[in-house]
C-alpha atoms as a PDB file:
ATOM      1  CA  MET A   1       0.000   0.000   0.000  1.00  0.00           C
ATOM      2  CA  PHE A   2       2.776   2.410   0.959  1.00  0.00           C
ATOM      3  CA  ASP A   3       4.748   1.565  -2.194  1.00  0.00           C
ATOM      4  CA  GLU A   4       1.750   2.425  -4.389  1.00  0.00           C
ATOM      5  CA  PHE A   5       1.142   5.641  -2.514  1.00  0.00           C
ATOM      6  CA  GLN A   6       4.834   6.532  -2.636  1.00  0.00           C
ATOM      7  CA  GLU A   7       5.033   5.934  -6.381  1.00  0.00           C
ATOM      8  CA  SER A   8       1.883   7.940  -7.088  1.00  0.00           C
ATOM      9  CA  PHE A   9       2.980  10.735  -4.762  1.00  0.00           C
ATOM     10  CA  ALA A  10       6.463  10.939  -6.336  1.00  0.00           C
ATOM     11  CA  ARG A  11       4.993  11.191  -9.838  1.00  0.00           C
ATOM     12  CA  VAL A  12       2.620  14.002  -8.856  1.00  0.00           C
ATOM     13  CA  ARG A  13       5.376  15.778  -6.908  1.00  0.00           C
ATOM     14  CA  ARG A  14       7.738  15.785  -9.913  1.00  0.00           C
ATOM     15  CA  THR A  15       5.016  17.317 -12.075  1.00  0.00           C
ATOM     16  CA  PHE A  16       4.319  20.015  -9.485  1.00  0.00           C
ATOM     17  CA  TYR A  17       8.057  20.679  -9.049  1.00  0.00           C
ATOM     18  CA  ILE A  18       8.414  21.558 -12.732  1.00  0.00           C
ATOM     19  CA  LEU A  19       5.185  23.562 -12.583  1.00  0.00           C
ATOM     20  CA  ALA A  20       6.447  25.450  -9.512  1.00  0.00           C
ATOM     21  CA  PHE A  21       9.510  26.677 -11.406  1.00  0.00           C
ATOM     22  CA  ALA A  22       7.286  27.673 -14.332  1.00  0.00           C
ATOM     23  CA  LEU A  23       5.004  29.670 -12.003  1.00  0.00           C
ATOM     24  CA  ILE A  24       7.946  31.469 -10.381  1.00  0.00           C
ATOM     25  CA  LEU A  25       9.361  32.281 -13.815  1.00  0.00           C
ATOM     26  CA  ALA A  26       5.966  33.524 -15.048  1.00  0.00           C
ATOM     27  CA  GLY A  27       5.614  35.694 -11.942  1.00  0.00           C
ATOM     28  CA  THR A  28       9.106  37.121 -12.487  1.00  0.00           C
ATOM     29  CA  ALA A  29       8.310  38.063 -16.079  1.00  0.00           C
ATOM     30  CA  ALA A  30       4.971  39.573 -15.021  1.00  0.00           C
ATOM     31  CA  GLY A  31       6.678  41.650 -12.302  1.00  0.00           C
ATOM     32  CA  ALA A  32       9.243  43.033 -14.748  1.00  0.00           C
ATOM     33  CA  PHE A  33       6.590  43.874 -17.366  1.00  0.00           C
ATOM     34  CA  PHE A  34       4.374  45.469 -14.718  1.00  0.00           C
ATOM     35  CA  LEU A  35       7.192  47.754 -13.587  1.00  0.00           C
ATOM     36  CA  VAL A  36       8.051  48.783 -17.139  1.00  0.00           C
ATOM     37  CA  TYR A  37       4.506  49.371 -18.380  1.00  0.00           C
ATOM     38  CA  ARG A  38       2.842  50.654 -15.199  1.00  0.00           C
ATOM     39  CA  TYR A  39       5.587  52.371 -13.213  1.00  0.00           C
ATOM     40  CA  GLY A  40       8.294  53.096 -15.791  1.00  0.00           C
ATOM     41  CA  GLY A  41       9.968  56.362 -14.800  1.00  0.00           C
ATOM     42  CA  SER A  42       7.838  56.685 -11.645  1.00  0.00           C
ATOM     43  CA  GLU A  43       9.215  59.130  -9.118  1.00  0.00           C
ATOM     44  CA  ASP A  44       7.606  57.124  -6.308  1.00  0.00           C
ATOM     45  CA  ILE A  45       9.706  54.074  -7.185  1.00  0.00           C
ATOM     46  CA  ARG A  46      12.791  56.267  -7.557  1.00  0.00           C
ATOM     47  CA  SER A  47      12.127  57.775  -4.121  1.00  0.00           C
ATOM     48  CA  TYR A  48      11.625  54.338  -2.547  1.00  0.00           C
ATOM     49  CA  LEU A  49      14.887  53.042  -4.034  1.00  0.00           C
ATOM     50  CA  GLY A  50      16.600  56.178  -2.773  1.00  0.00           C
ATOM     51  CA  GLY A  51      15.430  55.292   0.730  1.00  0.00           C
ATOM     52  CA  VAL A  52      16.801  51.769   0.331  1.00  0.00           C
ATOM     53  CA  THR A  53      20.120  53.223  -0.851  1.00  0.00           C
ATOM     54  CA  ASP A  54      20.295  55.495   2.208  1.00  0.00           C
ATOM     55  CA  ARG A  55      19.636  52.556   4.543  1.00  0.00           C
ATOM     56  CA  PHE A  56      22.418  50.490   2.997  1.00  0.00           C
ATOM     57  CA  ASN A  57      24.868  53.396   2.984  1.00  0.00           C
ATOM     58  CA  GLY A  58      23.988  54.133   6.614  1.00  0.00           C
ATOM     59  CA  GLY A  59      24.577  50.555   7.791  1.00  0.00           C
ATOM     60  CA  VAL A  60      22.482  47.406   7.937  1.00  0.00           C
ATOM     61  CA  ASP A  61      21.250  45.623  11.065  1.00  0.00           C
ATOM     62  CA  ARG A  62      22.090  42.044  10.075  1.00  0.00           C
ATOM     63  CA  LYS A  63      20.241  40.562  13.027  1.00  0.00           C
ATOM     64  CA  ASN A  64      16.992  42.222  11.981  1.00  0.00           C
ATOM     65  CA  VAL A  65      17.470  41.062   8.386  1.00  0.00           C
ATOM     66  CA  ILE A  66      18.029  37.456   9.539  1.00  0.00           C
ATOM     67  CA  PHE A  67      15.025  37.486  11.884  1.00  0.00           C
ATOM     68  CA  GLY A  68      12.849  39.118   9.240  1.00  0.00           C
ATOM     69  CA  ALA A  69      13.829  36.538   6.606  1.00  0.00           C
ATOM     70  CA  ALA A  70      13.364  33.662   9.082  1.00  0.00           C
ATOM     71  CA  LYS A  71       9.920  34.964  10.092  1.00  0.00           C
ATOM     72  CA  ASP A  72       8.895  35.264   6.437  1.00  0.00           C
ATOM     73  CA  CYS A  73      10.101  31.730   5.684  1.00  0.00           C
ATOM     74  CA  ALA A  74       8.316  30.322   8.751  1.00  0.00           C
ATOM     75  CA  ALA A  75       5.065  31.922   7.575  1.00  0.00           C
ATOM     76  CA  VAL A  76       5.464  30.416   4.083  1.00  0.00           C
ATOM     77  CA  LEU A  77       6.262  26.982   5.523  1.00  0.00           C
ATOM     78  CA  ALA A  78       3.209  27.166   7.795  1.00  0.00           C
ATOM     79  CA  VAL A  79       0.893  28.224   4.966  1.00  0.00           C
ATOM     80  CA  PHE A  80       2.221  25.523   2.630  1.00  0.00           C
ATOM     81  CA  PHE A  81       1.859  22.938   5.418  1.00  0.00           C
ATOM     82  CA  ILE A  82      -1.804  23.860   5.955  1.00  0.00           C
ATOM     83  CA  CYS A  83      -2.424  23.913   2.192  1.00  0.00           C
ATOM     84  CA  GLY A  84      -1.116  20.356   1.963  1.00  0.00           C
ATOM     85  CA  PHE A  85      -4.218  19.050   3.717  1.00  0.00           C
ATOM     86  CA  VAL A  86      -6.912  20.648   1.563  1.00  0.00           C
ATOM     87  CA  LYS A  87      -7.306  20.366  -2.218  1.00  0.00           C
ATOM     88  CA  PRO A  88      -7.890  24.122  -2.772  1.00  0.00           C
ATOM     89  CA  GLY A  89      -4.508  24.622  -1.085  1.00  0.00           C
ATOM     90  CA  VAL A  90      -2.922  23.943  -4.483  1.00  0.00           C
ATOM     91  CA  PHE A  91      -4.220  27.307  -5.706  1.00  0.00           C
ATOM     92  CA  VAL A  92      -2.866  29.122  -2.639  1.00  0.00           C
ATOM     93  CA  ILE A  93       0.553  27.526  -3.173  1.00  0.00           C
ATOM     94  CA  ALA A  94       0.485  28.479  -6.869  1.00  0.00           C
ATOM     95  CA  ALA A  95      -0.516  32.066  -6.024  1.00  0.00           C
ATOM     96  CA  GLU A  96       2.324  32.381  -3.490  1.00  0.00           C
ATOM     97  CA  LEU A  97       4.898  31.076  -5.990  1.00  0.00           C
ATOM     98  CA  ILE A  98       3.671  33.567  -8.610  1.00  0.00           C
ATOM     99  CA  ARG A  99       3.739  36.371  -6.022  1.00  0.00           C
ATOM    100  CA  ARG A 100       7.320  35.566  -5.063  1.00  0.00           C
ATOM    101  CA  GLY A 101       8.363  35.616  -8.693  1.00  0.00           C
ATOM    102  CA  PHE A 102       6.447  38.854  -9.312  1.00  0.00           C
ATOM    103  CA  VAL A 103       8.223  40.676  -6.456  1.00  0.00           C
ATOM    104  CA  THR A 104      11.613  39.464  -7.697  1.00  0.00           C
ATOM    105  CA  GLY A 105      10.916  40.509 -11.290  1.00  0.00           C
ATOM    106  CA  PHE A 106       9.585  43.905 -10.209  1.00  0.00           C
ATOM    107  CA  THR A 107      12.617  44.534  -7.978  1.00  0.00           C
ATOM    108  CA  VAL A 108      15.197  43.503 -10.578  1.00  0.00           C
ATOM    109  CA  ALA A 109      13.483  45.579 -13.276  1.00  0.00           C
ATOM    110  CA  ALA A 110      13.397  48.595 -10.931  1.00  0.00           C
ATOM    111  CA  PHE A 111      17.120  48.283 -10.182  1.00  0.00           C
ATOM    112  CA  ILE A 112      17.961  48.114 -13.875  1.00  0.00           C
ATOM    113  CA  GLU A 113      15.598  50.924 -14.882  1.00  0.00           C
ATOM    114  CA  TYR A 114      16.779  53.406 -12.260  1.00  0.00           C
ATOM    115  CA  TYR A 115      20.439  52.423 -11.856  1.00  0.00           C
ATOM    116  CA  SER A 116      21.296  51.169 -15.382  1.00  0.00           C
ATOM    117  CA  GLY A 117      24.617  49.274 -15.328  1.00  0.00           C
ATOM    118  CA  ARG A 118      24.863  49.376 -11.552  1.00  0.00           C
ATOM    119  CA  GLY A 119      21.326  47.993 -11.494  1.00  0.00           C
ATOM    120  CA  LEU A 120      22.612  44.812 -13.128  1.00  0.00           C
ATOM    121  CA  LEU A 121      25.175  44.559 -10.331  1.00  0.00           C
ATOM    122  CA  LEU A 122      22.456  45.090  -7.728  1.00  0.00           C
ATOM    123  CA  ALA A 123      20.348  42.397  -9.380  1.00  0.00           C
ATOM    124  CA  ALA A 124      23.357  40.047  -9.348  1.00  0.00           C
ATOM    125  CA  CYS A 125      23.628  40.627  -5.578  1.00  0.00           C
ATOM    126  CA  MET A 126      20.303  38.808  -5.254  1.00  0.00           C
ATOM    127  CA  LEU A 127      21.683  35.628  -6.847  1.00  0.00           C
ATOM    128  CA  PRO A 128      22.820  33.938  -3.590  1.00  0.00           C
ATOM    129  CA  ARG A 129      19.319  34.280  -2.123  1.00  0.00           C
ATOM    130  CA  ALA A 130      17.716  33.087  -5.358  1.00  0.00           C
ATOM    131  CA  VAL A 131      19.953  30.002  -5.552  1.00  0.00           C
ATOM    132  CA  ILE A 132      18.702  28.891  -2.123  1.00  0.00           C
ATOM    133  CA  LEU A 133      15.163  30.272  -1.996  1.00  0.00           C
ATOM    134  CA  ILE A 134      13.746  29.394  -5.422  1.00  0.00           C
ATOM    135  CA  PRO A 135      14.546  25.638  -5.353  1.00  0.00           C
ATOM    136  CA  ALA A 136      13.423  25.493  -1.701  1.00  0.00           C
ATOM    137  CA  LEU A 137      10.089  27.151  -2.476  1.00  0.00           C
ATOM    138  CA  ALA A 138       9.597  24.872  -5.479  1.00  0.00           C
ATOM    139  CA  MET A 139      10.415  21.799  -3.395  1.00  0.00           C
ATOM    140  CA  VAL A 140       8.186  22.677  -0.436  1.00  0.00           C
ATOM    141  CA  GLY A 141       5.402  23.884  -2.707  1.00  0.00           C
ATOM    142  CA  SER A 142       5.488  20.779  -4.905  1.00  0.00           C
ATOM    143  CA  VAL A 143       5.456  18.324  -1.985  1.00  0.00           C
ATOM    144  CA  ASN A 144       2.533  20.065  -0.299  1.00  0.00           C
ATOM    145  CA  ALA A 145       0.635  20.507  -3.566  1.00  0.00           C
ATOM    146  CA  ALA A 146       1.092  16.792  -4.293  1.00  0.00           C
ATOM    147  CA  LEU A 147      -0.071  16.014  -0.775  1.00  0.00           C
ATOM    148  CA  ALA A 148      -3.169  18.186  -1.290  1.00  0.00           C
ATOM    149  CA  VAL A 149      -4.288  16.471  -4.506  1.00  0.00           C
ATOM    150  CA  ASN A 150      -3.327  12.918  -3.524  1.00  0.00           C
ATOM    151  CA  SER A 151      -6.344  11.416  -1.811  1.00  0.00           C
ATOM    152  CA  ALA A 152      -4.651   8.105  -0.937  1.00  0.00           C
ATOM    153  CA  GLU A 153      -4.413   7.102   2.695  1.00  0.00           C
ATOM    154  CA  ARG A 154      -1.384   8.599   4.386  1.00  0.00           C
ATOM    155  CA  THR A 155       0.480   5.796   6.125  1.00  0.00           C
ATOM    156  CA  LYS A 156       2.658   5.964   9.216  1.00  0.00           C
ATOM    157  CA  ASN A 157       5.789   5.694   7.041  1.00  0.00           C
ATOM    158  CA  PHE A 158       4.670   8.673   5.000  1.00  0.00           C
ATOM    159  CA  LYS A 159       4.005  10.725   8.135  1.00  0.00           C
ATOM    160  CA  ILE A 160       7.541   9.985   9.352  1.00  0.00           C
ATOM    161  CA  PHE A 161       8.919  11.024   5.935  1.00  0.00           C
ATOM    162  CA  TYR A 162       6.868  14.218   6.047  1.00  0.00           C
ATOM    163  CA  ILE A 163       8.164  15.166   9.522  1.00  0.00           C
ATOM    164  CA  PHE A 164      11.751  14.780   8.314  1.00  0.00           C
ATOM    165  CA  PHE A 165      10.887  16.715   5.167  1.00  0.00           C
ATOM    166  CA  LEU A 166       9.541  19.631   7.223  1.00  0.00           C
ATOM    167  CA  LEU A 167      12.659  19.641   9.415  1.00  0.00           C
ATOM    168  CA  ALA A 168      14.905  19.623   6.333  1.00  0.00           C
ATOM    169  CA  SER A 169      12.849  22.429   4.769  1.00  0.00           C
ATOM    170  CA  ALA A 170      13.103  24.500   7.952  1.00  0.00           C
ATOM    171  CA  SER A 171      16.896  23.988   7.924  1.00  0.00           C
ATOM    172  CA  ILE A 172      17.130  25.173   4.309  1.00  0.00           C
ATOM    173  CA  PHE A 173      15.036  28.248   5.098  1.00  0.00           C
ATOM    174  CA  CYS A 174      17.280  28.975   8.106  1.00  0.00           C
ATOM    175  CA  ALA A 175      20.298  28.790   5.789  1.00  0.00           C
ATOM    176  CA  PHE A 176      18.518  31.221   3.478  1.00  0.00           C
ATOM    177  CA  ALA A 177      17.885  33.644   6.364  1.00  0.00           C
ATOM    178  CA  ILE A 178      21.572  33.561   7.347  1.00  0.00           C
ATOM    179  CA  CYS A 179      22.592  34.046   3.704  1.00  0.00           C
ATOM    180  CA  GLU A 180      20.214  37.003   3.486  1.00  0.00           C
ATOM    181  CA  GLY A 181      21.653  38.544   6.643  1.00  0.00           C
ATOM    182  CA  PHE A 182      25.297  38.188   5.705  1.00  0.00           C
ATOM    183  CA  LEU A 183      25.913  37.550   1.994  1.00  0.00           C
ATOM    184  CA  THR A 184      23.095  39.503   0.350  1.00  0.00           C
ATOM    185  CA  THR A 185      23.410  42.512   2.641  1.00  0.00           C
ATOM    186  CA  THR A 186      27.194  42.602   2.204  1.00  0.00           C
ATOM    187  CA  PHE A 187      26.966  42.438  -1.593  1.00  0.00           C
ATOM    188  CA  MET A 188      24.168  45.015  -1.675  1.00  0.00           C
ATOM    189  CA  LYS A 189      26.132  47.354   0.561  1.00  0.00           C
ATOM    190  CA  TRP A 190      29.132  47.164  -1.794  1.00  0.00           C
ATOM    191  CA  ALA A 191      26.928  47.680  -4.820  1.00  0.00           C
ATOM    192  CA  PHE A 192      25.077  50.622  -3.258  1.00  0.00           C
ATOM    193  CA  ALA A 193      28.318  52.332  -2.168  1.00  0.00           C
ATOM    194  CA  GLY A 194      28.410  55.758  -3.725  1.00  0.00           C
ATOM    195  CA  VAL A 195      24.842  55.596  -5.076  1.00  0.00           C
ATOM    196  CA  THR A 196      22.817  58.697  -4.253  1.00  0.00           C
END
């Protein structure tokens, strides 16, 4: 019984994993297009980025960045966990993946639009976070989406697997929070140096 469930679950999870990356990519493209066509040249965006620049040039509280990133990741993990137990949860997971991509695309497009060449450098500073966060979101989202649509009985072995999966996911998100607090902030501070 467990072998059948495991095989079915793995097949559905692989499909959702690929779909998760597609949703993040679609959200990223939508965010970039939205910035260009809706807010291109906006002084409000320029002013907001100026405030971000001032904060980085004035010093960054790494502890607050780490706690903020960890809190955000814990909220996502909790929402995805809850969504894994109800079929409509698949749509919530999909919406969150698109939203994450949208914010990333919007931010990268804003950096490039308002800072030109330096904007590419600022966007590159986000690569360490993307390398950890995007696969982690896709993995957690795909497992919980597969869990939501798979109506087979969840055995004791599966529950043990799922507990270990959640612990591993939490560890990856903790690594992301530390990366955000140290690597991303350091790179962004270097890139923002001298920007006014």
